[in-house]
Amino acid sequence: MTSTATALMDRWKKAKVPVELHVFPDGGHGFGMNKKGKSCDAWTELLAQWMQRLGLLGKS
């Protein structure tokens, strides 16, 4: 999965598309929906910050 994700990220970068990739060592189905003290707990906030920077969420 990681090699596929990094290859896709590289293609987006070459196309000058704003992209970030975060790979978490833990998670599972529905990860991030309930905080469990894992690194993946942060993914929803990271997504919101990225979308805000791109102007996809309007003004906060």
Protein backbone atom coordinates (compact mmCIF):
# COMPACT_ATOMS: atom_id res chain seq x y z
CA MET A 1 0.00 0.00 0.00
CA THR A 2 2.70 2.49 0.93
CA SER A 3 4.54 2.13 -2.38
CA THR A 4 1.28 2.70 -4.28
CA ALA A 5 0.50 5.76 -2.16
CA THR A 6 3.95 7.25 -2.60
CA ALA A 7 3.84 6.64 -6.36
CA LEU A 8 0.48 8.42 -6.54
CA MET A 9 1.81 11.29 -4.43
CA ASP A 10 4.81 11.62 -6.75
CA ARG A 11 2.49 11.84 -9.78
CA TRP A 12 0.40 14.53 -8.13
CA LYS A 13 3.53 16.51 -7.21
CA LYS A 14 4.79 16.30 -10.80
CA ALA A 15 1.38 17.59 -11.93
CA LYS A 16 1.73 20.45 -9.41
CA VAL A 17 -1.31 19.27 -7.42
CA PRO A 18 -1.21 20.12 -3.69
CA VAL A 19 -0.65 16.85 -1.88
CA GLU A 20 0.41 15.53 1.52
CA LEU A 21 0.94 11.94 2.53
CA HIS A 22 0.80 10.74 6.11
CA VAL A 23 1.57 7.09 6.81
CA PHE A 24 0.59 5.86 10.24
CA PRO A 25 1.97 2.66 11.78
CA ASP A 26 -1.29 1.92 13.52
CA GLY A 27 -4.98 2.25 12.82
CA GLY A 28 -7.44 -0.28 11.53
CA HIS A 29 -10.99 -0.02 10.28
CA GLY A 30 -12.58 3.32 11.20
CA PHE A 31 -9.35 4.65 12.68
CA GLY A 32 -9.50 8.23 13.87
CA MET A 33 -13.23 8.14 14.56
CA ASN A 34 -12.64 7.23 18.20
CA LYS A 35 -9.48 8.48 19.85
CA LYS A 36 -7.42 5.57 21.17
CA GLY A 37 -4.10 7.24 21.98
CA LYS A 38 -2.53 6.23 18.66
CA SER A 39 -0.69 8.36 16.13
CA CYS A 40 -3.53 7.92 13.64
CA ASP A 41 -5.87 9.80 15.99
CA ALA A 42 -4.56 12.98 14.36
CA TRP A 43 -5.64 12.22 10.79
CA THR A 44 -8.96 14.06 10.91
CA GLU A 45 -7.31 17.23 12.22
CA LEU A 46 -4.50 16.95 9.65
CA LEU A 47 -7.13 16.65 6.90
CA ALA A 48 -9.06 19.67 8.17
CA GLN A 49 -5.87 21.77 8.33
CA TRP A 50 -4.88 20.76 4.79
CA MET A 51 -8.36 21.50 3.43
CA GLN A 52 -8.35 24.87 5.21
CA ARG A 53 -5.00 25.79 3.64
CA LEU A 54 -6.43 24.95 0.22
CA GLY A 55 -9.49 27.10 0.87
CA LEU A 56 -11.86 24.15 0.74
CA LEU A 57 -13.52 24.83 4.09
CA GLY A 58 -14.18 28.53 3.82
CA LYS A 59 -13.03 30.98 6.45
CA SER A 60 -12.67 29.84 10.03
